[in-house]
Amino acid sequence: METYFGDISGSLLYKYMDRGKTISYLQDPEILLRYGGELESRCIWDRCCCTLYDNNEPYCYSCWDSREQHKSDSNLDELRKTQHKMTISRDAYDNDIHPWIDEYHCHFEPCLEDLFYEWSEYTVVVSGDYAIPCGPNAHLLGQYILFRQIQYFFENTDREECLIFAYQHPIPK
């Protein structure tokens, strides 16, 4: 499952109901670019997180003696992954994300039951359940939850930036 961590943490994979079918939606880390965020992506090796400079390398030569050893330690077929470093400034939140939350709040709050945000080991986490379906905007549920975590972060800190990391397997082509 694709997760994010840093100042906020959670899953980028969301499920919702649409016409009786469960739909899985993987939130794209690039969503934050549309709302004033910054995104740095780099290719790294699984397990050791060394930067990958050549896509033709079969494994991390610095940390393993063979592809089989690297594969055995990582337990994955694809040994490379993309690391995303996402940064949202307080200004970007105020100008772009907060108005979006205000616009969609009335659509999602009725279907979010017992959803709350809290601090855990210096990270804002979201927990609870949401009722499904959430209406015609259900595909935006993941974005709404992510943005509400960012909102909680800025409302409860005096920091000027919210920093989020995510890993993605395999490398997109």
Protein backbone atom coordinates (compact mmCIF):
# COMPACT_ATOMS: atom_id res chain seq x y z
CA MET A 1 0.00 0.00 0.00
CA GLU A 2 1.29 3.45 -0.86
CA THR A 3 1.80 5.55 2.24
CA TYR A 4 3.03 9.00 3.10
CA PHE A 5 4.86 10.16 6.21
CA GLY A 6 6.61 13.18 7.67
CA ASP A 7 4.69 16.01 9.31
CA ILE A 8 1.51 14.11 8.40
CA SER A 9 1.09 10.40 7.69
CA GLY A 10 -1.44 8.11 6.11
CA SER A 11 -2.29 6.14 3.00
CA LEU A 12 -2.46 7.40 -0.56
CA LEU A 13 -4.82 4.51 -1.37
CA TYR A 14 -8.51 5.22 -0.78
CA LYS A 15 -11.57 3.09 -1.42
CA TYR A 16 -15.08 4.29 -1.97
CA MET A 17 -18.38 2.95 -3.29
CA ASP A 18 -19.74 3.92 -6.69
CA ARG A 19 -22.99 2.35 -7.89
CA GLY A 20 -22.52 -0.68 -5.66
CA LYS A 21 -18.89 -1.30 -6.64
CA THR A 22 -15.82 -0.67 -4.49
CA ILE A 23 -13.42 1.63 -6.30
CA SER A 24 -9.76 1.86 -5.29
CA TYR A 25 -8.10 5.18 -5.96
CA LEU A 26 -4.38 5.91 -5.53
CA GLN A 27 -3.83 9.61 -4.83
CA ASP A 28 -1.09 11.05 -7.05
CA PRO A 29 1.59 12.91 -5.04
CA GLU A 30 1.63 15.50 -7.81
CA ILE A 31 -1.80 16.72 -6.64
CA LEU A 32 -0.02 19.14 -4.32
CA LEU A 33 1.64 20.88 -7.30
CA ARG A 34 -1.78 22.11 -8.40
CA TYR A 35 -2.25 23.76 -5.00
CA GLY A 36 1.00 25.66 -4.64
CA GLY A 37 3.09 22.81 -3.28
CA GLU A 38 6.57 21.77 -4.31
CA LEU A 39 7.54 18.24 -5.32
CA GLU A 40 10.99 16.72 -5.63
CA SER A 41 11.20 13.16 -6.93
CA ARG A 42 14.20 10.89 -7.14
CA CYS A 43 14.76 7.25 -7.95
CA ILE A 44 16.19 5.15 -5.11
CA TRP A 45 16.91 1.52 -4.36
CA ASP A 46 14.53 -0.38 -2.12
CA ARG A 47 15.76 -1.16 1.42
CA CYS A 48 19.00 0.88 1.38
CA CYS A 49 17.49 4.04 -0.17
CA CYS A 50 20.70 4.80 -2.07
CA THR A 51 20.10 7.12 -5.01
CA LEU A 52 19.81 5.37 -8.34
CA TYR A 53 21.88 7.12 -11.00
CA ASP A 54 21.65 4.59 -13.81
CA ASN A 55 18.37 2.85 -14.64
CA ASN A 56 20.27 -0.06 -16.19
CA GLU A 57 21.88 -1.14 -12.92
CA PRO A 58 20.30 -4.45 -11.80
CA TYR A 59 20.80 -3.81 -8.04
CA CYS A 60 22.58 -1.47 -5.61
CA TYR A 61 26.27 -2.24 -6.09
CA SER A 62 27.15 -0.33 -2.90
CA CYS A 63 25.06 -2.43 -0.54
CA TRP A 64 24.66 -5.93 -2.05
CA ASP A 65 26.83 -8.46 -3.83
CA SER A 66 24.15 -9.62 -6.27
CA ARG A 67 20.63 -8.91 -7.54
CA GLU A 68 19.46 -12.11 -5.87
CA GLN A 69 20.73 -10.93 -2.49
CA HIS A 70 19.15 -7.50 -2.91
CA LYS A 71 15.88 -9.10 -4.08
CA SER A 72 15.91 -11.53 -1.16
CA ASP A 73 16.40 -8.73 1.36
CA SER A 74 13.73 -6.50 -0.16
CA ASN A 75 11.23 -9.30 -0.95
CA LEU A 76 10.21 -7.42 -4.12
CA ASP A 77 10.62 -8.07 -7.84
CA GLU A 78 11.14 -4.37 -8.60
CA LEU A 79 14.09 -3.13 -6.54
CA ARG A 80 13.77 0.52 -7.55
CA LYS A 81 11.22 2.98 -6.28
CA THR A 82 10.52 6.68 -6.48
CA GLN A 83 10.79 8.84 -3.41
CA HIS A 84 8.64 11.97 -3.41
CA LYS A 85 9.40 14.89 -1.12
CA MET A 86 6.41 17.21 -0.98
CA THR A 87 6.45 20.61 0.67
CA ILE A 88 3.45 22.84 1.32
CA SER A 89 4.03 26.34 2.63
CA ARG A 90 1.62 28.08 4.96
CA ASP A 91 0.96 30.64 2.19
CA ALA A 92 0.09 27.90 -0.33
CA TYR A 93 -2.22 26.35 2.25
CA ASP A 94 -3.93 29.70 2.95
CA ASN A 95 -4.27 30.65 -0.73
CA ASP A 96 -5.09 27.33 -2.42
CA ILE A 97 -5.81 24.43 -0.07
CA HIS A 98 -7.95 26.14 2.56
CA PRO A 99 -10.42 27.53 -0.05
CA TRP A 100 -10.67 24.05 -1.60
CA ILE A 101 -11.47 22.53 1.82
CA ASP A 102 -14.13 25.20 2.39
CA GLU A 103 -15.70 24.38 -0.98
CA TYR A 104 -15.86 20.61 -0.43
CA HIS A 105 -16.45 20.51 3.33
CA CYS A 106 -20.25 20.28 2.96
CA HIS A 107 -19.87 17.32 0.54
CA PHE A 108 -17.64 15.17 2.77
CA GLU A 109 -18.40 15.95 6.40
CA PRO A 110 -21.81 14.17 6.32
CA CYS A 111 -20.20 10.90 5.21
CA LEU A 112 -17.17 11.05 7.52
CA GLU A 113 -18.03 9.30 10.75
CA ASP A 114 -15.70 9.38 13.73
CA LEU A 115 -12.83 10.73 11.63
CA PHE A 116 -10.34 12.68 13.70
CA TYR A 117 -6.83 14.04 13.51
CA GLU A 118 -4.27 13.80 16.28
CA TRP A 119 -0.56 14.01 17.02
CA SER A 120 1.45 10.80 17.25
CA GLU A 121 5.23 10.92 17.46
CA TYR A 122 5.35 14.47 16.03
CA THR A 123 3.14 13.50 13.09
CA VAL A 124 -0.49 14.31 12.34
CA VAL A 125 -2.37 11.05 11.79
CA VAL A 126 -5.95 10.52 10.72
CA SER A 127 -8.05 7.70 12.09
CA GLY A 128 -11.65 6.62 12.18
CA ASP A 129 -14.15 5.45 9.62
CA TYR A 130 -16.05 7.05 6.83
CA ALA A 131 -19.40 5.98 5.52
CA ILE A 132 -19.51 5.15 1.86
CA PRO A 133 -20.72 6.28 -0.58
CA CYS A 134 -19.83 9.97 -0.31
CA GLY A 135 -21.87 11.10 -3.29
CA PRO A 136 -20.74 12.27 -6.71
CA ASN A 137 -17.45 13.67 -5.39
CA ALA A 138 -16.29 10.41 -3.78
CA HIS A 139 -13.22 10.31 -6.02
CA LEU A 140 -12.00 13.43 -4.16
CA LEU A 141 -12.22 11.82 -0.71
CA GLY A 142 -8.49 11.01 -0.53
CA GLN A 143 -7.60 14.54 -1.50
CA TYR A 144 -9.99 15.92 1.12
CA ILE A 145 -8.52 13.78 3.92
CA LEU A 146 -4.95 14.69 2.89
CA PHE A 147 -5.83 18.40 2.80
CA ARG A 148 -7.61 18.23 6.18
CA GLN A 149 -4.44 16.75 7.70
CA ILE A 150 -2.46 19.67 6.27
CA GLN A 151 -5.08 22.01 7.71
CA TYR A 152 -4.78 20.41 11.16
CA PHE A 153 -0.98 20.70 10.94
CA PHE A 154 -1.03 24.44 10.19
CA GLU A 155 -3.76 25.18 12.72
CA ASN A 156 -1.76 23.49 15.49
CA THR A 157 1.81 24.59 14.73
CA ASP A 158 3.59 27.82 13.99
CA ARG A 159 5.75 26.17 11.31
CA GLU A 160 5.82 27.72 7.85
CA GLU A 161 6.11 24.44 5.91
CA CYS A 162 4.53 21.00 6.04
CA LEU A 163 6.91 18.29 4.79
CA ILE A 164 5.59 14.97 3.43
CA PHE A 165 7.42 11.97 1.95
CA ALA A 166 5.99 9.11 -0.11
CA TYR A 167 7.43 6.07 -1.87
CA GLN A 168 6.12 4.60 -5.09
CA HIS A 169 6.73 1.10 -6.56
CA PRO A 170 7.54 0.43 -9.35
CA ILE A 171 9.10 3.34 -11.21
CA PRO A 172 6.48 4.76 -13.57
CA LYS A 173 7.35 4.50 -17.26
